[in-house]
Structure formats: structure tokens, C-alpha cells
């Protein structure tokens, strides 16, 4: 048996709620990295997330540069997204494309957290789409129901705070 190199993957996204496809991202990235490179720390994302790098006022260019230059990305494909095109359309991503690993999902699975939330709000089953433990948590906390959506309408998420200090990991 071939020895495995430890892989550290940092994933980003809403994971709202976490789906089996979100968990699959880790498996695909790990398998790809074990076959191709000596990994250190990489940002794991889906192709739809990579596309957000070009959304005006969402990312600071210096933050994108720091991520792709210092750490690199592992980007998992998704039907309807073309991560290679996103890279080619960005001078910055093109410059560091040697540090961006595109991994093709060979079993297309279009589980969408947005569609999961919609189904839950409508009272539909999401069994086998998200882990049973997540379904239990959602049910216990009355999340993604018509009532909870009405109650939270218009609320914006606040920045994560630790000990009353806003976390800003890219500005040491």
C-alpha cells in the first residue's frame, strides 16, 4: 500500500445546510492531491465559489492574491460552471494558475443547498440528500421552515466575533 501524505484542506462556502456533495468535495480533493502534489494547506471550493472572485465588492484583490499565491486552491467542478474559463478571465488567477488545481467530479451530483432549503421550507423530504444528523439538527431547531423564514426575513449575518473582536484572518 502506497503511503499517504497528510493533506490539510480549508473549505469555504455557506454549507447552509451541509449536503453530502459538500462532504464529497473533501474526498475528491484528497484523492486528487494524493495523486498529484505534495500538499500543504489549500483552500477547497466548488467552481461556483471560484466564480465569486469576480463579484464586485465581494473580495479584495489583495485577499485573492494572498490565497492563490501563498496557499493555492483545489476547485471541484460542477455542471454549468467552467472554472478554467473563470481563471482565464482573471489576470490574477491566470498568473497563479500553477497553484490552482481543478478536479473533475466524475459522478455529477447537483445537490444544491439552496434547493435543500427550499424543499425544507415546503415540508418536503431531504433524506439521502443531507446527513441524517443534519436533518435531526434542523428539525430540533426548527430551521428552514416557513415560520423561521418569516421570522428571520431581512436579517443579515453578522461577522464572526471571538471575545468581542471581529475576526479578520487575512490582515495579521
Foldseek 3Di string as FASTA:
>chain_A
DDDFADAAEAEDDDCLPPWVVNVVQVVQQRVVCRPPHRADYAYEEELVVLLCVPPPPPDDPVVVLCRLVVHAYEYEYAPPGDSVVSQVVDPSSVVRVVRYHYTYDPDHDPLDSVVVLVCVQVVHDCPPTHDPVSVVVCVVVVPSHVVVCVVCPPPDDDADDDPNHGDDPVPD
